[in-house]
C-alpha atoms as a PDB file:
ATOM      1  CA  MET A   1     -12.593 -10.988  15.493  1.00  0.00           C
ATOM      2  CA  ALA A   2     -15.676  -9.242  14.127  1.00  0.00           C
ATOM      3  CA  THR A   3     -14.841  -6.179  16.240  1.00  0.00           C
ATOM      4  CA  ARG A   4     -11.366  -5.969  14.633  1.00  0.00           C
ATOM      5  CA  PRO A   5      -9.405  -5.577  17.894  1.00  0.00           C
ATOM      6  CA  TRP A   6      -6.138  -5.031  16.009  1.00  0.00           C
ATOM      7  CA  ALA A   7      -7.515  -1.669  14.865  1.00  0.00           C
ATOM      8  CA  LEU A   8      -8.159  -0.365  18.385  1.00  0.00           C
ATOM      9  CA  THR A   9      -4.781   1.389  18.600  1.00  0.00           C
ATOM     10  CA  ALA A  10      -6.316   4.067  16.367  1.00  0.00           C
ATOM     11  CA  SER A  11      -8.712   5.071  19.153  1.00  0.00           C
ATOM     12  CA  VAL A  12      -6.571   4.206  22.180  1.00  0.00           C
ATOM     13  CA  MET A  13      -3.491   6.136  21.081  1.00  0.00           C
ATOM     14  CA  PRO A  14      -5.041   9.646  21.286  1.00  0.00           C
ATOM     15  CA  VAL A  15      -6.203   8.885  24.834  1.00  0.00           C
ATOM     16  CA  LEU A  16      -2.785   7.614  25.916  1.00  0.00           C
ATOM     17  CA  VAL A  17      -0.950  10.584  24.357  1.00  0.00           C
ATOM     18  CA  THR A  18      -3.381  12.957  26.084  1.00  0.00           C
ATOM     19  CA  LEU A  19      -2.749  11.334  29.465  1.00  0.00           C
ATOM     20  CA  ALA A  20       1.010  11.501  28.904  1.00  0.00           C
ATOM     21  CA  LEU A  21       0.799  15.224  28.060  1.00  0.00           C
ATOM     22  CA  LEU A  22      -1.418  15.804  31.098  1.00  0.00           C
ATOM     23  CA  PHE A  23       1.144  13.996  33.253  1.00  0.00           C
ATOM     24  CA  TYR A  24       3.915  16.176  31.799  1.00  0.00           C
ATOM     25  CA  ASN A  25       2.007  19.413  32.350  1.00  0.00           C
ATOM     26  CA  ASN A  26       1.234  18.363  35.908  1.00  0.00           C
ATOM     27  CA  SER A  27       4.964  17.885  36.490  1.00  0.00           C
ATOM     28  CA  VAL A  28       5.760  21.352  35.134  1.00  0.00           C
ATOM     29  CA  THR A  29       3.220  23.358  37.096  1.00  0.00           C
ATOM     30  CA  GLY A  30       3.679  24.285  40.729  1.00  0.00           C
ATOM     31  CA  ASN A  31       0.006  23.616  41.383  1.00  0.00           C
ATOM     32  CA  PRO A  32      -0.685  20.227  39.788  1.00  0.00           C
ATOM     33  CA  LEU A  33      -4.200  19.056  39.097  1.00  0.00           C
ATOM     34  CA  HIS A  34      -5.621  15.961  40.725  1.00  0.00           C
ATOM     35  CA  ILE A  35      -5.773  13.211  38.107  1.00  0.00           C
ATOM     36  CA  ASN A  36      -8.498  10.594  38.505  1.00  0.00           C
ATOM     37  CA  TRP A  37      -6.658   7.573  37.146  1.00  0.00           C
ATOM     38  CA  LEU A  38      -9.683   5.283  37.511  1.00  0.00           C
ATOM     39  CA  ASN A  39     -11.663   7.564  35.210  1.00  0.00           C
ATOM     40  CA  SER A  40      -8.689   7.646  32.857  1.00  0.00           C
ATOM     41  CA  VAL A  41      -8.578   3.869  32.580  1.00  0.00           C
ATOM     42  CA  LEU A  42     -12.352   3.746  32.101  1.00  0.00           C
ATOM     43  CA  ALA A  43     -12.002   6.340  29.319  1.00  0.00           C
ATOM     44  CA  ILE A  44      -9.615   3.982  27.517  1.00  0.00           C
ATOM     45  CA  ILE A  45     -12.060   1.091  27.924  1.00  0.00           C
ATOM     46  CA  GLY A  46     -14.958   3.279  26.845  1.00  0.00           C
ATOM     47  CA  ILE A  47     -13.373   4.436  23.612  1.00  0.00           C
ATOM     48  CA  MET A  48     -12.403   0.843  22.791  1.00  0.00           C
ATOM     49  CA  ILE A  49     -16.019  -0.244  23.270  1.00  0.00           C
ATOM     50  CA  LEU A  50     -17.349   2.570  21.087  1.00  0.00           C
ATOM     51  CA  HIS A  51     -14.719   1.934  18.427  1.00  0.00           C
ATOM     52  CA  SER A  52     -15.660  -1.753  18.354  1.00  0.00           C
ATOM     53  CA  ALA A  53     -19.346  -0.854  18.083  1.00  0.00           C
ATOM     54  CA  GLY A  54     -18.507   1.470  15.196  1.00  0.00           C
ATOM     55  CA  ASN A  55     -16.577  -1.284  13.399  1.00  0.00           C
ATOM     56  CA  LEU A  56     -19.479  -3.706  13.710  1.00  0.00           C
ATOM     57  CA  LEU A  57     -22.157  -1.269  12.568  1.00  0.00           C
ATOM     58  CA  SER A  58     -19.962  -0.057   9.720  1.00  0.00           C
ATOM     59  CA  ASP A  59     -19.472  -3.648   8.543  1.00  0.00           C
ATOM     60  CA  TYR A  60     -23.207  -4.240   8.758  1.00  0.00           C
ATOM     61  CA  TYR A  61     -24.060  -1.187   6.655  1.00  0.00           C
ATOM     62  CA  ASP A  62     -21.234  -1.887   4.175  1.00  0.00           C
ATOM     63  CA  TYR A  63     -22.624  -5.382   3.657  1.00  0.00           C
ATOM     64  CA  LYS A  64     -26.179  -4.104   3.269  1.00  0.00           C
ATOM     65  CA  GLN A  65     -24.982  -1.447   0.819  1.00  0.00           C
ATOM     66  CA  GLY A  66     -23.139  -4.036  -1.270  1.00  0.00           C
ATOM     67  CA  VAL A  67     -19.702  -2.600  -0.544  1.00  0.00           C
ATOM     68  CA  ASP A  68     -18.395  -5.835   1.012  1.00  0.00           C
ATOM     69  CA  THR A  69     -18.923  -8.782  -1.318  1.00  0.00           C
ATOM     70  CA  ALA A  70     -17.651 -12.351  -1.536  1.00  0.00           C
ATOM     71  CA  ASP A  71     -15.328 -11.542  -4.464  1.00  0.00           C
ATOM     72  CA  ASN A  72     -13.653  -8.681  -2.607  1.00  0.00           C
ATOM     73  CA  ASP A  73     -10.209  -9.415  -1.177  1.00  0.00           C
ATOM     74  CA  PHE A  74     -10.551  -6.683   1.444  1.00  0.00           C
ATOM     75  CA  GLY A  75     -13.130  -5.484   3.913  1.00  0.00           C
ATOM     76  CA  ALA A  76     -15.007  -7.475   6.545  1.00  0.00           C
ATOM     77  CA  LYS A  77     -15.217 -11.213   5.906  1.00  0.00           C
ATOM     78  CA  THR A  78     -17.482 -12.241   8.766  1.00  0.00           C
ATOM     79  CA  LEU A  79     -20.657 -11.469   6.807  1.00  0.00           C
ATOM     80  CA  VAL A  80     -19.724 -12.326   3.218  1.00  0.00           C
ATOM     81  CA  THR A  81     -18.478 -15.754   4.350  1.00  0.00           C
ATOM     82  CA  LYS A  82     -21.715 -16.304   6.319  1.00  0.00           C
ATOM     83  CA  GLN A  83     -19.707 -16.738   9.520  1.00  0.00           C
ATOM     84  CA  PHE A  84     -22.290 -14.436  11.106  1.00  0.00           C
ATOM     85  CA  GLN A  85     -25.703 -13.265  10.027  1.00  0.00           C
ATOM     86  CA  PRO A  86     -26.210  -9.527   9.421  1.00  0.00           C
ATOM     87  CA  HIS A  87     -28.616  -9.172  12.341  1.00  0.00           C
ATOM     88  CA  GLU A  88     -26.032 -10.754  14.678  1.00  0.00           C
ATOM     89  CA  ILE A  89     -23.366  -8.210  13.738  1.00  0.00           C
ATOM     90  CA  ARG A  90     -25.889  -5.365  13.964  1.00  0.00           C
ATOM     91  CA  ASN A  91     -27.190  -6.488  17.362  1.00  0.00           C
ATOM     92  CA  PHE A  92     -23.679  -7.049  18.724  1.00  0.00           C
ATOM     93  CA  GLY A  93     -22.768  -3.518  17.634  1.00  0.00           C
ATOM     94  CA  LEU A  94     -25.865  -2.069  19.306  1.00  0.00           C
ATOM     95  CA  VAL A  95     -25.151  -3.969  22.546  1.00  0.00           C
ATOM     96  CA  LEU A  96     -21.602  -2.607  22.623  1.00  0.00           C
ATOM     97  CA  LEU A  97     -22.949   0.856  21.891  1.00  0.00           C
ATOM     98  CA  LEU A  98     -25.312   0.532  24.844  1.00  0.00           C
ATOM     99  CA  CYS A  99     -22.414  -0.606  27.058  1.00  0.00           C
ATOM    100  CA  GLY A 100     -20.422   2.436  25.939  1.00  0.00           C
ATOM    101  CA  ILE A 101     -23.343   4.726  26.768  1.00  0.00           C
ATOM    102  CA  ILE A 102     -23.741   3.195  30.246  1.00  0.00           C
ATOM    103  CA  LEU A 103     -20.023   3.599  30.933  1.00  0.00           C
ATOM    104  CA  GLY A 104     -20.202   7.151  29.599  1.00  0.00           C
ATOM    105  CA  LEU A 105     -23.064   7.988  31.985  1.00  0.00           C
ATOM    106  CA  PHE A 106     -21.021   6.612  34.872  1.00  0.00           C
ATOM    107  CA  LEU A 107     -18.079   8.793  33.858  1.00  0.00           C
ATOM    108  CA  THR A 108     -20.424  11.764  33.539  1.00  0.00           C
ATOM    109  CA  TYR A 109     -21.564  11.175  37.118  1.00  0.00           C
ATOM    110  CA  ASN A 110     -17.902  10.996  38.211  1.00  0.00           C
ATOM    111  CA  SER A 111     -16.652  14.010  36.264  1.00  0.00           C
ATOM    112  CA  GLY A 112     -19.376  16.416  35.131  1.00  0.00           C
ATOM    113  CA  LEU A 113     -22.145  17.225  32.681  1.00  0.00           C
ATOM    114  CA  HIS A 114     -19.831  18.484  29.937  1.00  0.00           C
ATOM    115  CA  LEU A 115     -19.076  14.864  29.170  1.00  0.00           C
ATOM    116  CA  LEU A 116     -22.647  14.486  27.874  1.00  0.00           C
ATOM    117  CA  TRP A 117     -22.044  16.550  24.749  1.00  0.00           C
ATOM    118  CA  ILE A 118     -18.536  15.161  24.289  1.00  0.00           C
ATOM    119  CA  GLY A 119     -19.855  11.608  24.584  1.00  0.00           C
ATOM    120  CA  ALA A 120     -22.888  12.353  22.429  1.00  0.00           C
ATOM    121  CA  THR A 121     -20.551  13.487  19.665  1.00  0.00           C
ATOM    122  CA  GLY A 122     -18.804  10.119  19.847  1.00  0.00           C
ATOM    123  CA  ILE A 123     -22.134   8.254  19.823  1.00  0.00           C
ATOM    124  CA  PHE A 124     -23.348  10.144  16.764  1.00  0.00           C
ATOM    125  CA  ALA A 125     -20.028   9.441  15.047  1.00  0.00           C
ATOM    126  CA  VAL A 126     -20.602   5.707  15.607  1.00  0.00           C
ATOM    127  CA  LEU A 127     -24.197   5.837  14.364  1.00  0.00           C
ATOM    128  CA  LEU A 128     -23.709   8.202  11.445  1.00  0.00           C
ATOM    129  CA  TYR A 129     -20.276   7.172  10.161  1.00  0.00           C
ATOM    130  CA  SER A 130     -21.519   4.901   7.388  1.00  0.00           C
ATOM    131  CA  LYS A 131     -24.016   7.479   6.170  1.00  0.00           C
ATOM    132  CA  MET A 132     -21.365  10.201   6.262  1.00  0.00           C
ATOM    133  CA  LYS A 133     -18.747   7.965   4.625  1.00  0.00           C
ATOM    134  CA  PHE A 134     -21.119   7.292   1.751  1.00  0.00           C
ATOM    135  CA  ASN A 135     -21.584  11.048   1.243  1.00  0.00           C
ATOM    136  CA  TYR A 136     -18.009  12.421   1.266  1.00  0.00           C
ATOM    137  CA  LEU A 137     -18.004  13.216   5.013  1.00  0.00           C
ATOM    138  CA  GLY A 138     -16.267  10.148   6.445  1.00  0.00           C
ATOM    139  CA  ASP A 139     -13.003  12.019   6.987  1.00  0.00           C
ATOM    140  CA  LEU A 140     -14.748  14.748   8.972  1.00  0.00           C
ATOM    141  CA  CYS A 141     -16.485  12.120  11.102  1.00  0.00           C
ATOM    142  CA  ILE A 142     -13.267  10.223  11.832  1.00  0.00           C
ATOM    143  CA  PHE A 143     -11.258  13.360  12.606  1.00  0.00           C
ATOM    144  CA  THR A 144     -13.940  14.452  15.065  1.00  0.00           C
ATOM    145  CA  ALA A 145     -14.200  11.024  16.700  1.00  0.00           C
ATOM    146  CA  PHE A 146     -10.470  10.195  16.814  1.00  0.00           C
ATOM    147  CA  GLY A 147      -8.868  13.640  16.729  1.00  0.00           C
ATOM    148  CA  LEU A 148     -10.968  16.313  18.415  1.00  0.00           C
ATOM    149  CA  MET A 149     -13.055  14.558  21.052  1.00  0.00           C
ATOM    150  CA  PRO A 150     -10.622  12.088  22.715  1.00  0.00           C
ATOM    151  CA  PRO A 151      -8.157  14.722  24.029  1.00  0.00           C
ATOM    152  CA  LEU A 152     -10.932  16.962  25.329  1.00  0.00           C
ATOM    153  CA  GLY A 153     -12.937  14.107  26.857  1.00  0.00           C
ATOM    154  CA  THR A 154      -9.908  12.379  28.370  1.00  0.00           C
ATOM    155  CA  VAL A 155      -8.696  15.492  30.171  1.00  0.00           C
ATOM    156  CA  TYR A 156     -12.226  16.226  31.368  1.00  0.00           C
ATOM    157  CA  VAL A 157     -12.817  12.793  32.918  1.00  0.00           C
ATOM    158  CA  ALA A 158      -9.311  12.835  34.403  1.00  0.00           C
ATOM    159  CA  THR A 159      -9.471  16.323  35.949  1.00  0.00           C
ATOM    160  CA  GLY A 160     -13.082  17.521  35.832  1.00  0.00           C
ATOM    161  CA  HIS A 161     -12.012  20.549  33.768  1.00  0.00           C
ATOM    162  CA  LEU A 162     -12.196  21.473  30.084  1.00  0.00           C
ATOM    163  CA  PHE A 163      -8.832  22.486  28.646  1.00  0.00           C
ATOM    164  CA  PRO A 164      -8.990  23.419  24.938  1.00  0.00           C
ATOM    165  CA  TYR A 165      -5.171  23.450  24.964  1.00  0.00           C
ATOM    166  CA  TYR A 166      -5.236  19.671  24.594  1.00  0.00           C
ATOM    167  CA  PHE A 167      -6.629  20.086  21.110  1.00  0.00           C
ATOM    168  CA  ILE A 168      -2.934  20.502  20.300  1.00  0.00           C
ATOM    169  CA  ILE A 169      -2.845  16.704  20.091  1.00  0.00           C
ATOM    170  CA  SER A 170      -5.771  16.579  17.686  1.00  0.00           C
ATOM    171  CA  VAL A 171      -3.878  17.414  14.518  1.00  0.00           C
ATOM    172  CA  PRO A 172      -0.907  15.028  14.667  1.00  0.00           C
ATOM    173  CA  ILE A 173      -2.823  12.016  15.973  1.00  0.00           C
ATOM    174  CA  GLY A 174      -6.023  12.852  14.091  1.00  0.00           C
ATOM    175  CA  PHE A 175      -4.269  13.348  10.755  1.00  0.00           C
ATOM    176  CA  LEU A 176      -2.413  10.042  11.025  1.00  0.00           C
ATOM    177  CA  THR A 177      -5.685   8.316  11.873  1.00  0.00           C
ATOM    178  CA  LEU A 178      -7.221   9.908   8.784  1.00  0.00           C
ATOM    179  CA  GLY A 179      -4.282   8.475   6.857  1.00  0.00           C
ATOM    180  CA  ILE A 180      -5.488   4.974   7.745  1.00  0.00           C
ATOM    181  CA  LEU A 181      -8.978   5.705   6.448  1.00  0.00           C
ATOM    182  CA  HIS A 182      -7.811   7.576   3.366  1.00  0.00           C
ATOM    183  CA  SER A 183      -5.351   4.900   2.234  1.00  0.00           C
ATOM    184  CA  ASN A 184      -8.176   2.364   2.505  1.00  0.00           C
ATOM    185  CA  ASN A 185     -10.601   4.606   0.586  1.00  0.00           C
ATOM    186  CA  THR A 186      -8.028   5.395  -2.101  1.00  0.00           C
ATOM    187  CA  ARG A 187      -7.452   1.700  -2.703  1.00  0.00           C
ATOM    188  CA  ASP A 188     -11.218   1.169  -2.940  1.00  0.00           C
ATOM    189  CA  ILE A 189     -12.123   4.087  -5.236  1.00  0.00           C
ATOM    190  CA  GLU A 190     -13.192   1.847  -8.092  1.00  0.00           C
ATOM    191  CA  ARG A 191     -15.005  -0.682  -5.890  1.00  0.00           C
ATOM    192  CA  ASP A 192     -16.817   2.015  -3.925  1.00  0.00           C
ATOM    193  CA  SER A 193     -17.855   3.699  -7.168  1.00  0.00           C
ATOM    194  CA  LYS A 194     -19.475   0.481  -8.366  1.00  0.00           C
ATOM    195  CA  ALA A 195     -21.288   0.179  -5.032  1.00  0.00           C
ATOM    196  CA  GLY A 196     -22.742   3.655  -5.515  1.00  0.00           C
ATOM    197  CA  ILE A 197     -21.153   5.297  -2.471  1.00  0.00           C
ATOM    198  CA  HIS A 198     -19.159   8.518  -2.408  1.00  0.00           C
ATOM    199  CA  THR A 199     -16.003   8.792  -0.309  1.00  0.00           C
ATOM    200  CA  PHE A 200     -13.772  11.837  -0.009  1.00  0.00           C
ATOM    201  CA  ALA A 201     -11.053   9.944  -1.901  1.00  0.00           C
ATOM    202  CA  MET A 202     -13.462   9.559  -4.832  1.00  0.00           C
ATOM    203  CA  ALA A 203     -14.181  13.282  -4.783  1.00  0.00           C
ATOM    204  CA  LEU A 204     -10.470  14.065  -4.894  1.00  0.00           C
ATOM    205  CA  GLY A 205      -9.523  11.560  -7.552  1.00  0.00           C
ATOM    206  CA  LEU A 206      -6.397   9.415  -7.493  1.00  0.00           C
ATOM    207  CA  ASN A 207      -3.742  12.095  -8.049  1.00  0.00           C
ATOM    208  CA  ASN A 208      -5.178  14.492  -5.477  1.00  0.00           C
ATOM    209  CA  SER A 209      -5.721  11.602  -3.071  1.00  0.00           C
ATOM    210  CA  ILE A 210      -1.994  10.902  -3.203  1.00  0.00           C
ATOM    211  CA  ILE A 211      -1.255  14.559  -2.376  1.00  0.00           C
ATOM    212  CA  TYR A 212      -3.827  14.505   0.420  1.00  0.00           C
ATOM    213  CA  TYR A 213      -2.165  11.420   1.923  1.00  0.00           C
ATOM    214  CA  TYR A 214       1.192  13.243   1.828  1.00  0.00           C
ATOM    215  CA  ILE A 215      -0.373  16.100   3.800  1.00  0.00           C
ATOM    216  CA  LEU A 216      -1.909  13.753   6.365  1.00  0.00           C
ATOM    217  CA  VAL A 217       1.434  12.037   6.983  1.00  0.00           C
ATOM    218  CA  ILE A 218       3.868  14.974   6.855  1.00  0.00           C
ATOM    219  CA  ILE A 219       1.910  17.600   8.821  1.00  0.00           C
ATOM    220  CA  PRO A 220       2.003  15.653  12.150  1.00  0.00           C
ATOM    221  CA  PHE A 221       5.818  15.665  12.173  1.00  0.00           C
ATOM    222  CA  VAL A 222       6.006  19.348  11.248  1.00  0.00           C
ATOM    223  CA  TRP A 223       3.316  20.123  13.836  1.00  0.00           C
ATOM    224  CA  ASN A 224       5.221  18.534  16.723  1.00  0.00           C
ATOM    225  CA  ILE A 225       8.491  20.171  15.768  1.00  0.00           C
ATOM    226  CA  VAL A 226       6.961  23.644  15.389  1.00  0.00           C
ATOM    227  CA  PHE A 227       4.990  23.524  18.642  1.00  0.00           C
ATOM    228  CA  ALA A 228       7.967  22.103  20.515  1.00  0.00           C
ATOM    229  CA  LEU A 229      10.116  24.997  19.279  1.00  0.00           C
ATOM    230  CA  LEU A 230       7.361  27.442  20.285  1.00  0.00           C
ATOM    231  CA  GLY A 231       7.308  25.961  23.775  1.00  0.00           C
ATOM    232  CA  GLU A 232       3.727  24.683  23.543  1.00  0.00           C
ATOM    233  CA  LEU A 233       5.005  21.109  23.687  1.00  0.00           C
ATOM    234  CA  PRO A 234       8.132  19.887  25.487  1.00  0.00           C
ATOM    235  CA  LEU A 235      11.213  19.799  23.298  1.00  0.00           C
ATOM    236  CA  MET A 236      11.287  16.005  23.551  1.00  0.00           C
ATOM    237  CA  ALA A 237       8.084  15.916  21.482  1.00  0.00           C
ATOM    238  CA  VAL A 238      10.386  16.128  18.448  1.00  0.00           C
ATOM    239  CA  LEU A 239      11.386  12.544  19.227  1.00  0.00           C
ATOM    240  CA  VAL A 240       8.614  11.472  16.836  1.00  0.00           C
ATOM    241  CA  ILE A 241      11.053  12.233  14.019  1.00  0.00           C
ATOM    242  CA  LEU A 242      12.546   8.799  14.766  1.00  0.00           C
ATOM    243  CA  VAL A 243       9.583   7.144  13.057  1.00  0.00           C
ATOM    244  CA  PHE A 244       9.757   9.334   9.942  1.00  0.00           C
ATOM    245  CA  PRO A 245      11.539   6.561   7.989  1.00  0.00           C
ATOM    246  CA  THR A 246       8.356   4.516   8.393  1.00  0.00           C
ATOM    247  CA  ALA A 247       6.340   7.510   7.190  1.00  0.00           C
ATOM    248  CA  TYR A 248       8.665   7.958   4.205  1.00  0.00           C
ATOM    249  CA  LYS A 249       8.199   4.321   3.249  1.00  0.00           C
ATOM    250  CA  ASN A 250       4.427   4.792   3.320  1.00  0.00           C
ATOM    251  CA  LEU A 251       4.700   7.930   1.201  1.00  0.00           C
ATOM    252  CA  LYS A 252       6.749   6.079  -1.407  1.00  0.00           C
ATOM    253  CA  THR A 253       4.165   3.291  -1.443  1.00  0.00           C
ATOM    254  CA  MET A 254       1.306   5.745  -1.968  1.00  0.00           C
ATOM    255  CA  SER A 255       3.205   7.425  -4.802  1.00  0.00           C
ATOM    256  CA  THR A 256       3.113   4.143  -6.750  1.00  0.00           C
ATOM    257  CA  ALA A 257      -0.691   4.005  -6.671  1.00  0.00           C
ATOM    258  CA  LYS A 258      -0.882   5.841 -10.010  1.00  0.00           C
ATOM    259  CA  ASP A 259       1.135   3.005 -11.618  1.00  0.00           C
ATOM    260  CA  ASN A 260      -0.857   0.179 -10.064  1.00  0.00           C
ATOM    261  CA  ILE A 261      -3.548   0.615  -7.421  1.00  0.00           C
ATOM    262  CA  GLU A 262      -2.746  -2.843  -6.052  1.00  0.00           C
ATOM    263  CA  ASN A 263       0.547  -1.435  -4.762  1.00  0.00           C
ATOM    264  CA  ILE A 264      -1.370   0.148  -1.872  1.00  0.00           C
ATOM    265  CA  ASN A 265      -3.437  -2.929  -0.995  1.00  0.00           C
ATOM    266  CA  PHE A 266      -1.961  -3.031   2.494  1.00  0.00           C
ATOM    267  CA  LEU A 267      -1.137   0.636   2.987  1.00  0.00           C
ATOM    268  CA  ASP A 268      -3.981   0.988   5.486  1.00  0.00           C
ATOM    269  CA  LEU A 269      -2.220  -1.527   7.740  1.00  0.00           C
ATOM    270  CA  SER A 270       1.098   0.289   7.312  1.00  0.00           C
ATOM    271  CA  SER A 271      -0.642   3.590   8.069  1.00  0.00           C
ATOM    272  CA  ALA A 272      -2.126   2.117  11.252  1.00  0.00           C
ATOM    273  CA  ARG A 273       1.348   0.983  12.269  1.00  0.00           C
ATOM    274  CA  LEU A 274       2.700   4.484  11.633  1.00  0.00           C
ATOM    275  CA  GLN A 275      -0.018   6.048  13.806  1.00  0.00           C
ATOM    276  CA  MET A 276       0.786   3.597  16.596  1.00  0.00           C
ATOM    277  CA  LEU A 277       4.569   4.172  16.401  1.00  0.00           C
ATOM    278  CA  PHE A 278       4.117   7.949  16.252  1.00  0.00           C
ATOM    279  CA  GLY A 279       1.905   7.822  19.356  1.00  0.00           C
ATOM    280  CA  ILE A 280       4.268   5.545  21.274  1.00  0.00           C
ATOM    281  CA  THR A 281       7.282   7.720  20.420  1.00  0.00           C
ATOM    282  CA  PHE A 282       5.311  10.845  21.358  1.00  0.00           C
ATOM    283  CA  ILE A 283       4.509   9.292  24.755  1.00  0.00           C
ATOM    284  CA  ILE A 284       8.119   8.227  25.314  1.00  0.00           C
ATOM    285  CA  GLY A 285       9.250  11.771  24.524  1.00  0.00           C
ATOM    286  CA  LEU A 286       6.809  13.209  27.074  1.00  0.00           C
ATOM    287  CA  LEU A 287       7.909  10.732  29.760  1.00  0.00           C
ATOM    288  CA  ILE A 288      11.579  11.505  29.088  1.00  0.00           C
ATOM    289  CA  ALA A 289      10.735  15.205  29.458  1.00  0.00           C
ATOM    290  CA  VAL A 290       9.191  14.479  32.871  1.00  0.00           C
ATOM    291  CA  PHE A 291      12.280  12.513  33.878  1.00  0.00           C
ATOM    292  CA  LEU A 292      14.576  15.363  32.829  1.00  0.00           C
ATOM    293  CA  LEU A 293      12.530  17.816  34.876  1.00  0.00           C
ATOM    294  CA  ARG A 294      13.107  15.745  37.981  1.00  0.00           C
ATOM    295  CA  ILE A 295      16.881  15.544  37.666  1.00  0.00           C
ATOM    296  CA  PRO A 296      18.349  17.789  40.368  1.00  0.00           C
ATOM    297  CA  THR A 297      20.202  20.807  38.979  1.00  0.00           C
ATOM    298  CA  LEU A 298      23.623  21.781  40.308  1.00  0.00           C
END
């Protein structure tokens, strides 16, 4: 439970969407690439391991910094309740980080040396996240780790080639992942201020944080629609619009934060659900597009 496995969809979803888009593009082209599905599965496992390591080390540093306390209703409970000792959480995180590095080196051997700098970026994100979060840069760290690197790294381990095109996934999935973090940080503005840390939500202030959340939630839907109409994504990528009612509900919840900050106590969970549903619907749209391509024409 200390690794927070329920949060792993945030890291797994960009990998799964990338693989679905790769599968679609392979179906469109007359000269499909060979996809190493073993490497693809290992990439999913690897990002889950690194995400878990990041959760553990973040909880350790939050506890040491005084962010997570016994009188706080949110945040990690494993340390403040003395269920685990700080050194146990820290060591567990470092062991998982080592496992992720070993798996990454194996994937590098199987795919190519470019994975070294892609993987190193993920490792640094795990190690530096708490420091960056405390100094306004948490959003940049998370967008890099969950938006930019997973599509590029997934395609590379699956095909052995770098395709910057797959950054097209970075914005919709990355922004929704940022929405999870930002809703959490907006809720905790006052608590984080007392702890002496500086999140991006604190820099924005409550009113601007609400606007920023709107941007993070709305842009992914607009992005998919625009790029589908431009032909950069299959038309079925617009299927994500089916989950916009969930997004609208989250937007309404965030808008009430100015009346009572407790209204968004669980918005981070709702934002995580939105990211998961958006990703699943995106994948379904891509698979439907593949199916339609294979229907014989008269």
